[in-house]
Structure formats: C-alpha cells, structure tokens
Amino acid sequence: MDEVAIAEMFQVLGPVTVRRMFGGKGIYHAGRILALEVDGEMLLKADDRSAPAFSAAGCRQWAYCRRQGGAPVRMPYWSVPEEAFDDPDIMALWVRRAWEAALRTASGGLR
C-alpha cells in the first residue's frame, strides 16, 4: 500500500506518518503507532478492550516468530475486516478503534 492509500485509509484522524520497520511500515498519528503494514497487509492496533471486536469481526491477530522454529509471538495488531476496504464509514470505525487502543497503551510503542 502506498503512502497516498494509507493517508486515505486513516483520513478520519488527520495526517499520519509512515516509517519503515520490520520490513514493513509503521503508521503513526500524533506520535503514537496505531497500525502496521507487513507483507502488504494492513494491521490495526488493538488492546484488551478492543480485541474482542476484532475477533468477533473475523479478524486475525498478527504473530511472528522471533527465530526459525520458535513459537509464534502474538502482537496487539489485527487484520482489517474485509468490508471496511469497501466502505469508508466502516473503515473509519476500525481506524478509530485502533487510535483509541493506541491512546490507552501507556508506552505508545509497538506493544
């Protein structure tokens, strides 16, 4: 996803900053990370409060392996519901959830 498409996706919040990380991109708003793009897939931040909504919508939690053959480590990022890509109002709802989770995260970092 190019930066123009990312800006459109997150337009409900205002300007976002895109930084390279993990072979992908970190998406930030007001200095807080709220999404990742990894292997061409957009992943939105969630926390204990919002993760159940992502799960109920059929989204997948992102996990990675620290080393080859190691156990996957679940991260607080979830796939975007498919219908959100076709409806800007639905996308805005999920983007706001990601932003709210980012605000509730004390460190504002990846976790």
PDB file of N, CA and C in Angstrom:
ATOM      1  N   MET A   1       0.860  -1.173   0.000  1.00  0.00           N
ATOM      2  CA  MET A   1       0.000   0.000   0.000  1.00  0.00           C
ATOM      3  C   MET A   1       0.903   1.232   0.000  1.00  0.00           C
ATOM      4  N   ASP A   2       0.672   2.149  -0.918  1.00  0.00           N
ATOM      5  CA  ASP A   2       1.499   3.342  -0.971  1.00  0.00           C
ATOM      6  C   ASP A   2       1.026   4.372   0.061  1.00  0.00           C
ATOM      7  N   GLU A   3       1.820   5.401   0.248  1.00  0.00           N
ATOM      8  CA  GLU A   3       1.517   6.384   1.300  1.00  0.00           C
ATOM      9  C   GLU A   3       0.236   7.165   1.034  1.00  0.00           C
ATOM     10  N   VAL A   4      -0.134   7.359  -0.209  1.00  0.00           N
ATOM     11  CA  VAL A   4      -1.387   8.050  -0.536  1.00  0.00           C
ATOM     12  C   VAL A   4      -2.572   7.194  -0.076  1.00  0.00           C
ATOM     13  N   ALA A   5      -2.526   5.906  -0.378  1.00  0.00           N
ATOM     14  CA  ALA A   5      -3.597   4.997   0.038  1.00  0.00           C
ATOM     15  C   ALA A   5      -3.672   4.902   1.558  1.00  0.00           C
ATOM     16  N   ILE A   6      -2.521   4.895   2.212  1.00  0.00           N
ATOM     17  CA  ILE A   6      -2.503   4.852   3.675  1.00  0.00           C
ATOM     18  C   ILE A   6      -3.119   6.130   4.237  1.00  0.00           C
ATOM     19  N   ALA A   7      -2.757   7.274   3.692  1.00  0.00           N
ATOM     20  CA  ALA A   7      -3.327   8.544   4.156  1.00  0.00           C
ATOM     21  C   ALA A   7      -4.843   8.556   3.996  1.00  0.00           C
ATOM     22  N   GLU A   8      -5.340   8.034   2.881  1.00  0.00           N
ATOM     23  CA  GLU A   8      -6.790   7.963   2.663  1.00  0.00           C
ATOM     24  C   GLU A   8      -7.456   7.048   3.691  1.00  0.00           C
ATOM     25  N   MET A   9      -6.824   5.929   3.969  1.00  0.00           N
ATOM     26  CA  MET A   9      -7.384   4.978   4.918  1.00  0.00           C
ATOM     27  C   MET A   9      -7.539   5.590   6.305  1.00  0.00           C
ATOM     28  N   PHE A  10      -6.585   6.424   6.707  1.00  0.00           N
ATOM     29  CA  PHE A  10      -6.566   6.997   8.050  1.00  0.00           C
ATOM     30  C   PHE A  10      -7.037   8.449   8.082  1.00  0.00           C
ATOM     31  N   GLN A  11      -7.657   8.919   7.019  1.00  0.00           N
ATOM     32  CA  GLN A  11      -8.039  10.325   6.920  1.00  0.00           C
ATOM     33  C   GLN A  11      -8.978  10.797   8.023  1.00  0.00           C
ATOM     34  N   VAL A  12      -9.742   9.901   8.613  1.00  0.00           N
ATOM     35  CA  VAL A  12     -10.658  10.271   9.695  1.00  0.00           C
ATOM     36  C   VAL A  12      -9.895  10.870  10.882  1.00  0.00           C
ATOM     37  N   LEU A  13      -8.620  10.506  11.032  1.00  0.00           N
ATOM     38  CA  LEU A  13      -7.818  11.016  12.141  1.00  0.00           C
ATOM     39  C   LEU A  13      -7.062  12.286  11.789  1.00  0.00           C
ATOM     40  N   GLY A  14      -6.835  12.512  10.526  1.00  0.00           N
ATOM     41  CA  GLY A  14      -5.965  13.602  10.093  1.00  0.00           C
ATOM     42  C   GLY A  14      -4.668  13.015   9.579  1.00  0.00           C
ATOM     43  N   PRO A  15      -3.609  13.813   9.558  1.00  0.00           N
ATOM     44  CA  PRO A  15      -2.351  13.335   8.963  1.00  0.00           C
ATOM     45  C   PRO A  15      -1.722  12.186   9.757  1.00  0.00           C
ATOM     46  N   VAL A  16      -1.128  11.260   9.009  1.00  0.00           N
ATOM     47  CA  VAL A  16      -0.377  10.165   9.605  1.00  0.00           C
ATOM     48  C   VAL A  16       1.041  10.196   9.056  1.00  0.00           C
ATOM     49  N   THR A  17       1.942   9.588   9.806  1.00  0.00           N
ATOM     50  CA  THR A  17       3.334   9.462   9.403  1.00  0.00           C
ATOM     51  C   THR A  17       3.614   7.986   9.179  1.00  0.00           C
ATOM     52  N   VAL A  18       4.335   7.681   8.127  1.00  0.00           N
ATOM     53  CA  VAL A  18       4.672   6.297   7.805  1.00  0.00           C
ATOM     54  C   VAL A  18       6.181   6.141   7.955  1.00  0.00           C
ATOM     55  N   ARG A  19       6.583   5.124   8.742  1.00  0.00           N
ATOM     56  CA  ARG A  19       8.001   4.843   8.950  1.00  0.00           C
ATOM     57  C   ARG A  19       8.279   3.374   8.631  1.00  0.00           C
ATOM     58  N   ARG A  20       9.417   3.121   8.023  1.00  0.00           N
ATOM     59  CA  ARG A  20       9.812   1.740   7.730  1.00  0.00           C
ATOM     60  C   ARG A  20      10.164   1.021   9.026  1.00  0.00           C
ATOM     61  N   MET A  21       9.711  -0.241   9.123  1.00  0.00           N
ATOM     62  CA  MET A  21      10.059  -1.087  10.259  1.00  0.00           C
ATOM     63  C   MET A  21       9.725  -2.535   9.951  1.00  0.00           C
ATOM     64  N   PHE A  22      10.498  -3.468  10.473  1.00  0.00           N
ATOM     65  CA  PHE A  22      10.258  -4.907  10.319  1.00  0.00           C
ATOM     66  C   PHE A  22      10.067  -5.320   8.864  1.00  0.00           C
ATOM     67  N   GLY A  23      10.695  -4.655   7.959  1.00  0.00           N
ATOM     68  CA  GLY A  23      10.485  -4.974   6.553  1.00  0.00           C
ATOM     69  C   GLY A  23       9.125  -4.510   6.074  1.00  0.00           C
ATOM     70  N   GLY A  24       8.438  -3.738   6.898  1.00  0.00           N
ATOM     71  CA  GLY A  24       7.122  -3.204   6.553  1.00  0.00           C
ATOM     72  C   GLY A  24       7.072  -1.725   6.897  1.00  0.00           C
ATOM     73  N   LYS A  25       5.914  -1.294   7.357  1.00  0.00           N
ATOM     74  CA  LYS A  25       5.722   0.114   7.684  1.00  0.00           C
ATOM     75  C   LYS A  25       4.973   0.237   9.006  1.00  0.00           C
ATOM     76  N   GLY A  26       5.353   1.236   9.793  1.00  0.00           N
ATOM     77  CA  GLY A  26       4.601   1.614  10.979  1.00  0.00           C
ATOM     78  C   GLY A  26       3.811   2.864  10.643  1.00  0.00           C
ATOM     79  N   ILE A  27       2.549   2.919  11.048  1.00  0.00           N
ATOM     80  CA  ILE A  27       1.698   4.080  10.784  1.00  0.00           C
ATOM     81  C   ILE A  27       1.447   4.773  12.115  1.00  0.00           C
ATOM     82  N   TYR A  28       1.785   6.068  12.158  1.00  0.00           N
ATOM     83  CA  TYR A  28       1.706   6.859  13.374  1.00  0.00           C
ATOM     84  C   TYR A  28       0.768   8.038  13.191  1.00  0.00           C
ATOM     85  N   HIS A  29       0.118   8.419  14.277  1.00  0.00           N
ATOM     86  CA  HIS A  29      -0.677   9.642  14.319  1.00  0.00           C
ATOM     87  C   HIS A  29      -0.371  10.310  15.654  1.00  0.00           C
ATOM     88  N   ALA A  30      -0.036  11.576  15.610  1.00  0.00           N
ATOM     89  CA  ALA A  30       0.274  12.344  16.818  1.00  0.00           C
ATOM     90  C   ALA A  30       1.334  11.635  17.668  1.00  0.00           C
ATOM     91  N   GLY A  31       2.311  11.031  17.005  1.00  0.00           N
ATOM     92  CA  GLY A  31       3.418  10.404  17.699  1.00  0.00           C
ATOM     93  C   GLY A  31       3.166   9.007  18.241  1.00  0.00           C
ATOM     94  N   ARG A  32       1.988   8.455  18.026  1.00  0.00           N
ATOM     95  CA  ARG A  32       1.664   7.111  18.528  1.00  0.00           C
ATOM     96  C   ARG A  32       1.428   6.160  17.360  1.00  0.00           C
ATOM     97  N   ILE A  33       1.968   4.965  17.499  1.00  0.00           N
ATOM     98  CA  ILE A  33       1.770   3.967  16.460  1.00  0.00           C
ATOM     99  C   ILE A  33       0.370   3.367  16.609  1.00  0.00           C
ATOM    100  N   LEU A  34      -0.343   3.242  15.477  1.00  0.00           N
ATOM    101  CA  LEU A  34      -1.681   2.672  15.531  1.00  0.00           C
ATOM    102  C   LEU A  34      -1.904   1.586  14.493  1.00  0.00           C
ATOM    103  N   ALA A  35      -0.912   1.350  13.652  1.00  0.00           N
ATOM    104  CA  ALA A  35      -1.064   0.304  12.643  1.00  0.00           C
ATOM    105  C   ALA A  35       0.299  -0.085  12.095  1.00  0.00           C
ATOM    106  N   LEU A  36       0.326  -1.270  11.508  1.00  0.00           N
ATOM    107  CA  LEU A  36       1.495  -1.771  10.795  1.00  0.00           C
ATOM    108  C   LEU A  36       1.050  -2.252   9.430  1.00  0.00           C
ATOM    109  N   GLU A  37       1.940  -2.145   8.469  1.00  0.00           N
ATOM    110  CA  GLU A  37       1.735  -2.835   7.209  1.00  0.00           C
ATOM    111  C   GLU A  37       2.874  -3.843   7.098  1.00  0.00           C
ATOM    112  N   VAL A  38       2.524  -5.107   7.040  1.00  0.00           N
ATOM    113  CA  VAL A  38       3.509  -6.185   6.982  1.00  0.00           C
ATOM    114  C   VAL A  38       3.130  -7.104   5.821  1.00  0.00           C
ATOM    115  N   ASP A  39       4.070  -7.350   4.952  1.00  0.00           N
ATOM    116  CA  ASP A  39       3.836  -8.211   3.788  1.00  0.00           C
ATOM    117  C   ASP A  39       2.604  -7.788   2.999  1.00  0.00           C
ATOM    118  N   GLY A  40       2.405  -6.479   2.874  1.00  0.00           N
ATOM    119  CA  GLY A  40       1.289  -5.951   2.103  1.00  0.00           C
ATOM    120  C   GLY A  40      -0.050  -5.969   2.809  1.00  0.00           C
ATOM    121  N   GLU A  41      -0.067  -6.394   4.067  1.00  0.00           N
ATOM    122  CA  GLU A  41      -1.324  -6.452   4.824  1.00  0.00           C
ATOM    123  C   GLU A  41      -1.348  -5.360   5.887  1.00  0.00           C
ATOM    124  N   MET A  42      -2.458  -4.635   5.973  1.00  0.00           N
ATOM    125  CA  MET A  42      -2.630  -3.614   6.992  1.00  0.00           C
ATOM    126  C   MET A  42      -3.133  -4.279   8.275  1.00  0.00           C
ATOM    127  N   LEU A  43      -2.501  -3.921   9.387  1.00  0.00           N
ATOM    128  CA  LEU A  43      -2.846  -4.473  10.695  1.00  0.00           C
ATOM    129  C   LEU A  43      -3.103  -3.312  11.653  1.00  0.00           C
ATOM    130  N   LEU A  44      -4.246  -3.322  12.311  1.00  0.00           N
ATOM    131  CA  LEU A  44      -4.624  -2.248  13.219  1.00  0.00           C
ATOM    132  C   LEU A  44      -4.362  -2.634  14.668  1.00  0.00           C
ATOM    133  N   LYS A  45      -3.955  -1.658  15.457  1.00  0.00           N
ATOM    134  CA  LYS A  45      -3.656  -1.883  16.868  1.00  0.00           C
ATOM    135  C   LYS A  45      -4.947  -2.169  17.633  1.00  0.00           C
ATOM    136  N   ALA A  46      -4.860  -3.085  18.570  1.00  0.00           N
ATOM    137  CA  ALA A  46      -5.975  -3.397  19.461  1.00  0.00           C
ATOM    138  C   ALA A  46      -5.411  -3.600  20.860  1.00  0.00           C
ATOM    139  N   ASP A  47      -6.280  -3.601  21.836  1.00  0.00           N
ATOM    140  CA  ASP A  47      -5.886  -3.874  23.210  1.00  0.00           C
ATOM    141  C   ASP A  47      -6.949  -4.777  23.829  1.00  0.00           C
ATOM    142  N   ASP A  48      -6.850  -5.015  25.117  1.00  0.00           N
ATOM    143  CA  ASP A  48      -7.808  -5.912  25.773  1.00  0.00           C
ATOM    144  C   ASP A  48      -9.251  -5.453  25.586  1.00  0.00           C
ATOM    145  N   ARG A  49      -9.437  -4.159  25.486  1.00  0.00           N
ATOM    146  CA  ARG A  49     -10.782  -3.616  25.330  1.00  0.00           C
ATOM    147  C   ARG A  49     -11.336  -3.774  23.916  1.00  0.00           C
ATOM    148  N   SER A  50     -10.483  -3.603  22.920  1.00  0.00           N
ATOM    149  CA  SER A  50     -10.966  -3.625  21.535  1.00  0.00           C
ATOM    150  C   SER A  50     -10.738  -4.951  20.812  1.00  0.00           C
ATOM    151  N   ALA A  51      -9.830  -5.788  21.291  1.00  0.00           N
ATOM    152  CA  ALA A  51      -9.538  -7.057  20.620  1.00  0.00           C
ATOM    153  C   ALA A  51     -10.775  -7.936  20.433  1.00  0.00           C
ATOM    154  N   PRO A  52     -11.712  -7.999  21.408  1.00  0.00           N
ATOM    155  CA  PRO A  52     -12.901  -8.818  21.183  1.00  0.00           C
ATOM    156  C   PRO A  52     -13.712  -8.391  19.958  1.00  0.00           C
ATOM    157  N   ALA A  53     -13.757  -7.102  19.665  1.00  0.00           N
ATOM    158  CA  ALA A  53     -14.489  -6.625  18.477  1.00  0.00           C
ATOM    159  C   ALA A  53     -13.791  -7.097  17.203  1.00  0.00           C
ATOM    160  N   PHE A  54     -12.465  -7.056  17.194  1.00  0.00           N
ATOM    161  CA  PHE A  54     -11.717  -7.547  16.036  1.00  0.00           C
ATOM    162  C   PHE A  54     -11.961  -9.042  15.850  1.00  0.00           C
ATOM    163  N   SER A  55     -11.890  -9.782  16.938  1.00  0.00           N
ATOM    164  CA  SER A  55     -12.113 -11.222  16.873  1.00  0.00           C
ATOM    165  C   SER A  55     -13.519 -11.548  16.374  1.00  0.00           C
ATOM    166  N   ALA A  56     -14.515 -10.842  16.905  1.00  0.00           N
ATOM    167  CA  ALA A  56     -15.910 -11.079  16.515  1.00  0.00           C
ATOM    168  C   ALA A  56     -16.147 -10.768  15.035  1.00  0.00           C
ATOM    169  N   ALA A  57     -15.349  -9.843  14.479  1.00  0.00           N
ATOM    170  CA  ALA A  57     -15.480  -9.476  13.063  1.00  0.00           C
ATOM    171  C   ALA A  57     -14.714 -10.439  12.154  1.00  0.00           C
ATOM    172  N   GLY A  58     -14.105 -11.473  12.741  1.00  0.00           N
ATOM    173  CA  GLY A  58     -13.379 -12.452  11.935  1.00  0.00           C
ATOM    174  C   GLY A  58     -11.959 -12.046  11.585  1.00  0.00           C
ATOM    175  N   CYS A  59     -11.438 -11.046  12.276  1.00  0.00           N
ATOM    176  CA  CYS A  59     -10.073 -10.594  12.015  1.00  0.00           C
ATOM    177  C   CYS A  59      -9.077 -11.566  12.636  1.00  0.00           C
ATOM    178  N   ARG A  60      -7.852 -11.508  12.151  1.00  0.00           N
ATOM    179  CA  ARG A  60      -6.786 -12.380  12.592  1.00  0.00           C
ATOM    180  C   ARG A  60      -5.740 -11.574  13.350  1.00  0.00           C
ATOM    181  N   GLN A  61      -5.320 -12.083  14.517  1.00  0.00           N
ATOM    182  CA  GLN A  61      -4.267 -11.423  15.268  1.00  0.00           C
ATOM    183  C   GLN A  61      -2.917 -11.760  14.651  1.00  0.00           C
ATOM    184  N   TRP A  62      -2.066 -10.758  14.515  1.00  0.00           N
ATOM    185  CA  TRP A  62      -0.754 -10.937  13.922  1.00  0.00           C
ATOM    186  C   TRP A  62       0.201 -11.580  14.917  1.00  0.00           C
ATOM    187  N   ALA A  63       0.982 -12.523  14.451  1.00  0.00           N
ATOM    188  CA  ALA A  63       2.016 -13.159  15.254  1.00  0.00           C
ATOM    189  C   ALA A  63       3.256 -13.327  14.384  1.00  0.00           C
ATOM    190  N   TYR A  64       4.401 -13.317  15.001  1.00  0.00           N
ATOM    191  CA  TYR A  64       5.639 -13.552  14.268  1.00  0.00           C
ATOM    192  C   TYR A  64       6.527 -14.484  15.089  1.00  0.00           C
ATOM    193  N   CYS A  65       7.477 -15.091  14.429  1.00  0.00           N
ATOM    194  CA  CYS A  65       8.426 -15.973  15.106  1.00  0.00           C
ATOM    195  C   CYS A  65       9.728 -15.206  15.299  1.00  0.00           C
ATOM    196  N   ARG A  66      10.199 -15.167  16.522  1.00  0.00           N
ATOM    197  CA  ARG A  66      11.457 -14.465  16.817  1.00  0.00           C
ATOM    198  C   ARG A  66      12.643 -15.143  16.149  1.00  0.00           C
ATOM    199  N   ARG A  67      12.602 -16.453  16.089  1.00  0.00           N
ATOM    200  CA  ARG A  67      13.689 -17.194  15.433  1.00  0.00           C
ATOM    201  C   ARG A  67      13.100 -18.401  14.738  1.00  0.00           C
ATOM    202  N   GLN A  68      13.824 -18.893  13.783  1.00  0.00           N
ATOM    203  CA  GLN A  68      13.356 -20.031  12.997  1.00  0.00           C
ATOM    204  C   GLN A  68      13.045 -21.212  13.914  1.00  0.00           C
ATOM    205  N   GLY A  69      11.848 -21.761  13.768  1.00  0.00           N
ATOM    206  CA  GLY A  69      11.425 -22.888  14.579  1.00  0.00           C
ATOM    207  C   GLY A  69      10.889 -22.497  15.941  1.00  0.00           C
ATOM    208  N   GLY A  70      10.937 -21.210  16.254  1.00  0.00           N
ATOM    209  CA  GLY A  70      10.446 -20.741  17.551  1.00  0.00           C
ATOM    210  C   GLY A  70       8.934 -20.627  17.576  1.00  0.00           C
ATOM    211  N   ALA A  71       8.406 -20.490  18.766  1.00  0.00           N
ATOM    212  CA  ALA A  71       6.960 -20.336  18.934  1.00  0.00           C
ATOM    213  C   ALA A  71       6.536 -18.946  18.465  1.00  0.00           C
ATOM    214  N   PRO A  72       5.369 -18.837  17.829  1.00  0.00           N
ATOM    215  CA  PRO A  72       4.883 -17.523  17.398  1.00  0.00           C
ATOM    216  C   PRO A  72       4.599 -16.613  18.600  1.00  0.00           C
ATOM    217  N   VAL A  73       4.894 -15.344  18.430  1.00  0.00           N
ATOM    218  CA  VAL A  73       4.629 -14.336  19.449  1.00  0.00           C
ATOM    219  C   VAL A  73       3.457 -13.492  18.960  1.00  0.00           C
ATOM    220  N   ARG A  74       2.368 -13.497  19.697  1.00  0.00           N
ATOM    221  CA  ARG A  74       1.195 -12.707  19.312  1.00  0.00           C
ATOM    222  C   ARG A  74       1.421 -11.239  19.654  1.00  0.00           C
ATOM    223  N   MET A  75       1.108 -10.407  18.701  1.00  0.00           N
ATOM    224  CA  MET A  75       1.258  -8.967  18.875  1.00  0.00           C
ATOM    225  C   MET A  75      -0.127  -8.320  18.880  1.00  0.00           C
ATOM    226  N   PRO A  76      -0.226  -7.105  19.408  1.00  0.00           N
ATOM    227  CA  PRO A  76      -1.532  -6.453  19.522  1.00  0.00           C
ATOM    228  C   PRO A  76      -1.996  -5.772  18.232  1.00  0.00           C
ATOM    229  N   TYR A  77      -1.830  -6.450  17.122  1.00  0.00           N
ATOM    230  CA  TYR A  77      -2.245  -5.924  15.820  1.00  0.00           C
ATOM    231  C   TYR A  77      -3.112  -6.963  15.132  1.00  0.00           C
ATOM    232  N   TRP A  78      -4.182  -6.489  14.525  1.00  0.00           N
ATOM    233  CA  TRP A  78      -5.183  -7.378  13.927  1.00  0.00           C
ATOM    234  C   TRP A  78      -5.454  -6.967  12.484  1.00  0.00           C
ATOM    235  N   SER A  79      -5.815  -7.943  11.682  1.00  0.00           N
ATOM    236  CA  SER A  79      -6.204  -7.659  10.300  1.00  0.00           C
ATOM    237  C   SER A  79      -7.461  -6.790  10.287  1.00  0.00           C
ATOM    238  N   VAL A  80      -7.682  -6.164   9.153  1.00  0.00           N
ATOM    239  CA  VAL A  80      -8.841  -5.273   8.974  1.00  0.00           C
ATOM    240  C   VAL A  80      -9.986  -6.083   8.379  1.00  0.00           C
ATOM    241  N   PRO A  81     -11.215  -5.911   8.892  1.00  0.00           N
ATOM    242  CA  PRO A  81     -12.347  -6.629   8.285  1.00  0.00           C
ATOM    243  C   PRO A  81     -12.469  -6.282   6.801  1.00  0.00           C
ATOM    244  N   GLU A  82     -12.702  -7.286   5.980  1.00  0.00           N
ATOM    245  CA  GLU A  82     -12.768  -7.097   4.531  1.00  0.00           C
ATOM    246  C   GLU A  82     -13.748  -6.005   4.109  1.00  0.00           C
ATOM    247  N   GLU A  83     -14.930  -5.959   4.739  1.00  0.00           N
ATOM    248  CA  GLU A  83     -15.938  -4.975   4.322  1.00  0.00           C
ATOM    249  C   GLU A  83     -15.475  -3.536   4.544  1.00  0.00           C
ATOM    250  N   ALA A  84     -14.503  -3.327   5.421  1.00  0.00           N
ATOM    251  CA  ALA A  84     -14.006  -1.975   5.685  1.00  0.00           C
ATOM    252  C   ALA A  84     -13.301  -1.399   4.457  1.00  0.00           C
ATOM    253  N   PHE A  85     -12.685  -2.249   3.655  1.00  0.00           N
ATOM    254  CA  PHE A  85     -11.978  -1.761   2.466  1.00  0.00           C
ATOM    255  C   PHE A  85     -12.937  -1.241   1.395  1.00  0.00           C
ATOM    256  N   ASP A  86     -14.213  -1.619   1.481  1.00  0.00           N
ATOM    257  CA  ASP A  86     -15.209  -1.178   0.503  1.00  0.00           C
ATOM    258  C   ASP A  86     -16.093  -0.041   1.002  1.00  0.00           C
ATOM    259  N   ASP A  87     -15.965   0.314   2.287  1.00  0.00           N
ATOM    260  CA  ASP A  87     -16.860   1.316   2.874  1.00  0.00           C
ATOM    261  C   ASP A  87     -16.062   2.248   3.793  1.00  0.00           C
ATOM    262  N   PRO A  88     -15.871   3.501   3.383  1.00  0.00           N
ATOM    263  CA  PRO A  88     -15.070   4.433   4.186  1.00  0.00           C
ATOM    264  C   PRO A  88     -15.624   4.650   5.598  1.00  0.00           C
ATOM    265  N   ASP A  89     -16.938   4.555   5.767  1.00  0.00           N
ATOM    266  CA  ASP A  89     -17.510   4.737   7.102  1.00  0.00           C
ATOM    267  C   ASP A  89     -17.147   3.576   8.021  1.00  0.00           C
ATOM    268  N   ILE A  90     -17.162   2.371   7.480  1.00  0.00           N
ATOM    269  CA  ILE A  90     -16.767   1.201   8.276  1.00  0.00           C
ATOM    270  C   ILE A  90     -15.271   1.267   8.574  1.00  0.00           C
ATOM    271  N   MET A  91     -14.468   1.661   7.573  1.00  0.00           N
ATOM    272  CA  MET A  91     -13.026   1.793   7.804  1.00  0.00           C
ATOM    273  C   MET A  91     -12.766   2.822   8.900  1.00  0.00           C
ATOM    274  N   ALA A  92     -13.489   3.928   8.883  1.00  0.00           N
ATOM    275  CA  ALA A  92     -13.309   4.971   9.901  1.00  0.00           C
ATOM    276  C   ALA A  92     -13.568   4.421  11.302  1.00  0.00           C
ATOM    277  N   LEU A  93     -14.565   3.564  11.438  1.00  0.00           N
ATOM    278  CA  LEU A  93     -14.872   2.948  12.732  1.00  0.00           C
ATOM    279  C   LEU A  93     -13.675   2.132  13.237  1.00  0.00           C
ATOM    280  N   TRP A  94     -13.094   1.308  12.367  1.00  0.00           N
ATOM    281  CA  TRP A  94     -11.967   0.462  12.775  1.00  0.00           C
ATOM    282  C   TRP A  94     -10.711   1.279  13.027  1.00  0.00           C
ATOM    283  N   VAL A  95     -10.485   2.294  12.224  1.00  0.00           N
ATOM    284  CA  VAL A  95      -9.329   3.181  12.431  1.00  0.00           C
ATOM    285  C   VAL A  95      -9.456   3.893  13.769  1.00  0.00           C
ATOM    286  N   ARG A  96     -10.656   4.352  14.107  1.00  0.00           N
ATOM    287  CA  ARG A  96     -10.866   5.000  15.414  1.00  0.00           C
ATOM    288  C   ARG A  96     -10.606   4.025  16.557  1.00  0.00           C
ATOM    289  N   ARG A  97     -11.023   2.773  16.391  1.00  0.00           N
ATOM    290  CA  ARG A  97     -10.753   1.763  17.433  1.00  0.00           C
ATOM    291  C   ARG A  97      -9.242   1.588  17.621  1.00  0.00           C
ATOM    292  N   ALA A  98      -8.515   1.559  16.520  1.00  0.00           N
ATOM    293  CA  ALA A  98      -7.061   1.418  16.606  1.00  0.00           C
ATOM    294  C   ALA A  98      -6.444   2.628  17.315  1.00  0.00           C
ATOM    295  N   TRP A  99      -6.928   3.811  16.996  1.00  0.00           N
ATOM    296  CA  TRP A  99      -6.416   5.033  17.624  1.00  0.00           C
ATOM    297  C   TRP A  99      -6.724   5.027  19.120  1.00  0.00           C
ATOM    298  N   GLU A 100      -7.935   4.642  19.486  1.00  0.00           N
ATOM    299  CA  GLU A 100      -8.301   4.583  20.905  1.00  0.00           C
ATOM    300  C   GLU A 100      -7.411   3.587  21.648  1.00  0.00           C
ATOM    301  N   ALA A 101      -7.112   2.444  21.030  1.00  0.00           N
ATOM    302  CA  ALA A 101      -6.205   1.465  21.646  1.00  0.00           C
ATOM    303  C   ALA A 101      -4.807   2.062  21.796  1.00  0.00           C
ATOM    304  N   ALA A 102      -4.355   2.797  20.788  1.00  0.00           N
ATOM    305  CA  ALA A 102      -3.039   3.439  20.861  1.00  0.00           C
ATOM    306  C   ALA A 102      -2.993   4.437  22.015  1.00  0.00           C
ATOM    307  N   LEU A 103      -4.067   5.169  22.210  1.00  0.00           N
ATOM    308  CA  LEU A 103      -4.112   6.142  23.310  1.00  0.00           C
ATOM    309  C   LEU A 103      -4.116   5.454  24.673  1.00  0.00           C
ATOM    310  N   ARG A 104      -4.741   4.286  24.751  1.00  0.00           N
ATOM    311  CA  ARG A 104      -4.783   3.561  26.019  1.00  0.00           C
ATOM    312  C   ARG A 104      -3.485   2.837  26.335  1.00  0.00           C
ATOM    313  N   THR A 105      -2.624   2.672  25.335  1.00  0.00           N
ATOM    314  CA  THR A 105      -1.355   1.992  25.527  1.00  0.00           C
ATOM    315  C   THR A 105      -0.369   2.982  26.146  1.00  0.00           C
ATOM    316  N   ALA A 106       0.067   2.665  27.342  1.00  0.00           N
ATOM    317  CA  ALA A 106       0.911   3.594  28.110  1.00  0.00           C
ATOM    318  C   ALA A 106       2.179   4.000  27.391  1.00  0.00           C
ATOM    319  N   SER A 107       2.889   3.051  26.792  1.00  0.00           N
ATOM    320  CA  SER A 107       4.179   3.360  26.196  1.00  0.00           C
ATOM    321  C   SER A 107       4.063   4.028  24.839  1.00  0.00           C
ATOM    322  N   GLY A 108       2.950   3.773  24.137  1.00  0.00           N
ATOM    323  CA  GLY A 108       2.811   4.306  22.787  1.00  0.00           C
ATOM    324  C   GLY A 108       3.704   3.594  21.791  1.00  0.00           C
ATOM    325  N   GLY A 109       4.403   2.552  22.234  1.00  0.00           N
ATOM    326  CA  GLY A 109       5.303   1.800  21.358  1.00  0.00           C
ATOM    327  C   GLY A 109       4.586   0.677  20.658  1.00  0.00           C
ATOM    328  N   LEU A 110       5.340  -0.312  20.237  1.00  0.00           N
ATOM    329  CA  LEU A 110       4.751  -1.423  19.486  1.00  0.00           C
ATOM    330  C   LEU A 110       3.745  -2.210  20.308  1.00  0.00           C
ATOM    331  N   ARG A 111       3.910  -2.316  21.554  1.00  0.00           N
ATOM    332  CA  ARG A 111       3.001  -3.101  22.399  1.00  0.00           C
ATOM    333  C   ARG A 111       1.902  -2.267  22.913  1.00  0.00           C
TER     334      ARG A 111
END
